Amino acid sequence: MANYQKMNVSGTERVELHDKIGLTGAEISVNVLPAGACVPFVHAHKQNEEVYIILEGRGRMVLDGESVELSANDYLRVSPAAKRQIFAAADSAIKYICIQTKAGSLENYTATDGIM
C-alpha cells in the first residue's frame, strides 16, 4: 500500500476527508453553501479547534453571538468552546475548507518535524 491517498472533490457540496483519504490527526472538510444558505445548527466542540479557510464567495459566521464577516482569502481560527454557525451571503455562495484538530496538540511542524 502506498504512503499516500489522493481524492478529487470537485462538484460536491460537502466532503469530510478523514475517511476518504485516511486522516489520523485531523478532520478536514471541503464545503460549499449556496447563496442564502447556512449550516442548520449552532455547535461547539469538546476538544477540537477549527480553522476556516475561505476559498470563494462571501458570508459570515456567528461566534458566541458576534457576527464576523467572511470573504475569499480569510482565515479564521475558532476555539473549541465557541458557539458557531456559518452563513453564505444572500447574494453569494461561500466555499471553504474547515480543518479540525485537537486544541493544544501541535508539538512539531515544518522544519522541526521534517527529516532530511
Protein backbone atom coordinates (compact mmCIF):
# COMPACT_ATOMS: atom_id res chain seq x y z
CA MET A 1 0.00 0.00 0.00
CA ALA A 2 1.24 3.49 -0.87
CA ASN A 3 2.19 6.04 1.77
CA TYR A 4 -0.41 8.47 0.40
CA GLN A 5 -4.08 8.79 -0.53
CA LYS A 6 -5.44 11.03 -3.29
CA MET A 7 -9.01 12.19 -3.91
CA ASN A 8 -10.73 14.73 -6.16
CA VAL A 9 -13.62 16.61 -4.55
CA SER A 10 -14.80 18.87 -7.38
CA GLY A 11 -18.53 19.27 -7.76
CA THR A 12 -19.53 18.30 -4.21
CA GLU A 13 -21.28 20.41 -1.59
CA ARG A 14 -19.56 18.79 1.42
CA VAL A 15 -16.85 16.20 1.77
CA GLU A 16 -15.30 15.03 5.05
CA LEU A 17 -11.82 13.76 4.26
CA HIS A 18 -10.99 11.74 7.40
CA ASP A 19 -12.47 8.53 5.97
CA LYS A 20 -11.94 9.32 2.29
CA ILE A 21 -8.14 9.70 2.49
CA GLY A 22 -7.39 8.05 5.83
CA LEU A 23 -6.60 11.05 8.04
CA THR A 24 -5.46 10.16 11.56
CA GLY A 25 -4.58 13.52 13.13
CA ALA A 26 -7.16 15.98 11.76
CA GLU A 27 -10.57 16.27 10.19
CA ILE A 28 -10.74 18.35 7.02
CA SER A 29 -13.96 19.13 5.22
CA VAL A 30 -14.49 20.92 1.92
CA ASN A 31 -17.79 22.81 1.92
CA VAL A 32 -19.97 24.89 -0.39
CA LEU A 33 -23.01 26.75 0.91
CA PRO A 34 -25.29 28.22 -1.79
CA ALA A 35 -26.28 31.88 -1.60
CA GLY A 36 -28.62 32.46 1.34
CA ALA A 37 -27.93 29.04 2.93
CA CYS A 38 -26.40 28.25 6.31
CA VAL A 39 -25.21 25.32 8.37
CA PRO A 40 -28.57 24.48 10.01
CA PHE A 41 -27.32 24.28 13.59
CA VAL A 42 -25.21 26.11 16.17
CA HIS A 43 -22.42 23.98 17.60
CA ALA A 44 -19.24 23.95 19.68
CA HIS A 45 -16.64 21.25 20.29
CA LYS A 46 -15.31 19.42 23.33
CA GLN A 47 -11.64 19.35 22.24
CA ASN A 48 -11.20 20.43 18.64
CA GLU A 49 -10.28 23.89 17.45
CA GLU A 50 -11.23 24.71 13.87
CA VAL A 51 -9.61 26.75 11.13
CA TYR A 52 -11.88 28.02 8.37
CA ILE A 53 -10.19 28.90 5.07
CA ILE A 54 -12.49 30.87 2.79
CA LEU A 55 -11.75 29.96 -0.83
CA GLU A 56 -14.53 31.77 -2.71
CA GLY A 57 -17.54 33.96 -2.10
CA ARG A 58 -18.80 35.79 0.94
CA GLY A 59 -20.68 35.09 4.13
CA ARG A 60 -20.47 35.43 7.86
CA MET A 61 -20.02 33.35 10.96
CA VAL A 62 -21.81 33.98 14.22
CA LEU A 63 -19.39 33.25 17.08
CA ASP A 64 -20.78 33.43 20.61
CA GLY A 65 -23.42 35.84 19.31
CA GLU A 66 -20.95 38.08 17.43
CA SER A 67 -21.23 38.29 13.63
CA VAL A 68 -17.90 38.09 11.75
CA GLU A 69 -17.89 38.88 8.02
CA LEU A 70 -16.04 36.41 5.77
CA SER A 71 -14.72 36.67 2.21
CA ALA A 72 -12.25 34.91 -0.07
CA ASN A 73 -8.73 34.58 1.39
CA ASP A 74 -9.89 34.97 5.00
CA TYR A 75 -8.57 32.53 7.63
CA LEU A 76 -10.46 32.19 10.89
CA ARG A 77 -9.45 30.12 13.95
CA VAL A 78 -12.25 29.16 16.33
CA SER A 79 -11.57 27.78 19.81
CA PRO A 80 -13.39 24.60 20.85
CA ALA A 81 -15.83 26.26 23.27
CA ALA A 82 -17.04 28.98 20.88
CA LYS A 83 -20.61 28.50 19.69
CA ARG A 84 -20.58 28.85 15.91
CA GLN A 85 -22.77 28.89 12.82
CA ILE A 86 -21.74 29.82 9.27
CA PHE A 87 -23.94 31.58 6.68
CA ALA A 88 -23.50 32.31 2.97
CA ALA A 89 -24.30 35.87 1.91
CA ALA A 90 -27.78 36.38 0.46
CA ASP A 91 -26.29 37.02 -2.99
CA SER A 92 -23.16 34.85 -2.89
CA ALA A 93 -22.28 31.23 -2.29
CA ILE A 94 -19.35 30.57 0.02
CA LYS A 95 -16.76 27.84 -0.48
CA TYR A 96 -14.49 26.98 2.42
CA ILE A 97 -12.26 24.38 3.98
CA CYS A 98 -12.67 23.56 7.67
CA ILE A 99 -9.77 21.89 9.50
CA GLN A 100 -10.35 20.40 12.96
CA THR A 101 -7.50 19.41 15.24
CA LYS A 102 -7.25 18.79 18.96
CA ALA A 103 -6.50 22.12 20.65
CA GLY A 104 -3.02 22.26 22.18
CA SER A 105 -1.80 19.11 20.41
CA LEU A 106 0.69 20.65 17.97
CA GLU A 107 4.20 19.63 19.02
CA ASN A 108 6.29 19.93 15.86
CA TYR A 109 5.70 21.49 12.47
CA THR A 110 7.51 22.28 9.23
CA ALA A 111 11.28 22.30 9.91
CA THR A 112 11.08 20.76 13.40
CA ASP A 113 9.13 17.71 12.16
CA GLY A 114 10.92 17.18 8.84
CA ILE A 115 13.57 14.54 8.27
CA MET A 116 16.33 15.40 5.81
